[in-house]
Amino acid sequence: MNNRWYGTMAMLLGIISFFTGEIVTFIMLSFILMALININTTLKANHKKEWERKER
């Protein structure tokens, strides 16, 4: 998925959390989501580098 999809989902969850009163939960889950996205991006980059190295 790309960053636009993540932004759309975050906005949707933010609107829902505003009406349900769960703002703090939304903020904490946003931090967790950002960390997981960073981990996923790093793992993909490492896998791509490893794959390119093995092809040589």
Protein backbone atom coordinates (compact mmCIF):
# COMPACT_ATOMS: atom_id res chain seq x y z
CA MET A 1 0.00 0.00 0.00
CA ASN A 2 1.13 3.54 -0.55
CA ASN A 3 1.21 6.50 1.79
CA ARG A 4 -2.01 7.97 0.38
CA TRP A 5 -3.95 4.90 1.56
CA TYR A 6 -2.40 5.19 5.04
CA GLY A 7 -3.37 8.86 5.17
CA THR A 8 -6.93 8.11 4.14
CA MET A 9 -7.29 5.42 6.78
CA ALA A 10 -5.77 7.68 9.46
CA MET A 11 -8.20 10.48 8.57
CA LEU A 12 -11.16 8.11 8.72
CA LEU A 13 -10.06 6.77 12.11
CA GLY A 14 -9.48 10.32 13.34
CA ILE A 15 -13.03 11.35 12.45
CA ILE A 16 -14.48 8.27 14.12
CA SER A 17 -12.35 8.80 17.24
CA PHE A 18 -13.44 12.45 17.46
CA PHE A 19 -17.10 11.48 17.61
CA THR A 20 -16.55 8.60 20.02
CA GLY A 21 -14.27 10.62 22.32
CA GLU A 22 -11.23 8.37 21.95
CA ILE A 23 -8.70 11.03 20.91
CA VAL A 24 -5.85 9.78 23.13
CA THR A 25 -6.29 6.23 21.85
CA PHE A 26 -6.18 7.53 18.28
CA ILE A 27 -2.94 9.42 18.94
CA MET A 28 -1.26 6.38 20.52
CA LEU A 29 -2.39 4.09 17.72
CA SER A 30 -1.10 6.63 15.19
CA PHE A 31 2.37 6.44 16.77
CA ILE A 32 2.27 2.65 16.59
CA LEU A 33 1.12 2.76 12.95
CA MET A 34 3.95 5.14 12.00
CA ALA A 35 6.50 2.87 13.67
CA LEU A 36 5.16 -0.20 11.87
CA ILE A 37 5.20 1.60 8.52
CA ASN A 38 8.84 2.58 9.10
CA ILE A 39 9.77 -0.99 10.02
CA ASN A 40 7.98 -2.33 6.93
CA THR A 41 9.72 0.16 4.64
CA THR A 42 13.12 -0.69 6.09
CA LEU A 43 12.53 -4.43 5.72
CA LYS A 44 11.43 -4.00 2.10
CA ALA A 45 14.54 -1.95 1.32
CA ASN A 46 16.82 -4.52 2.96
CA HIS A 47 15.11 -7.37 1.12
CA LYS A 48 15.49 -5.56 -2.19
CA LYS A 49 19.21 -4.93 -1.56
CA GLU A 50 19.76 -8.55 -0.57
CA TRP A 51 17.91 -9.80 -3.66
CA GLU A 52 19.98 -7.55 -5.95
CA ARG A 53 23.18 -8.73 -4.28
CA LYS A 54 22.27 -12.39 -4.76
CA GLU A 55 21.54 -11.88 -8.47
CA ARG A 56 25.14 -10.77 -9.16
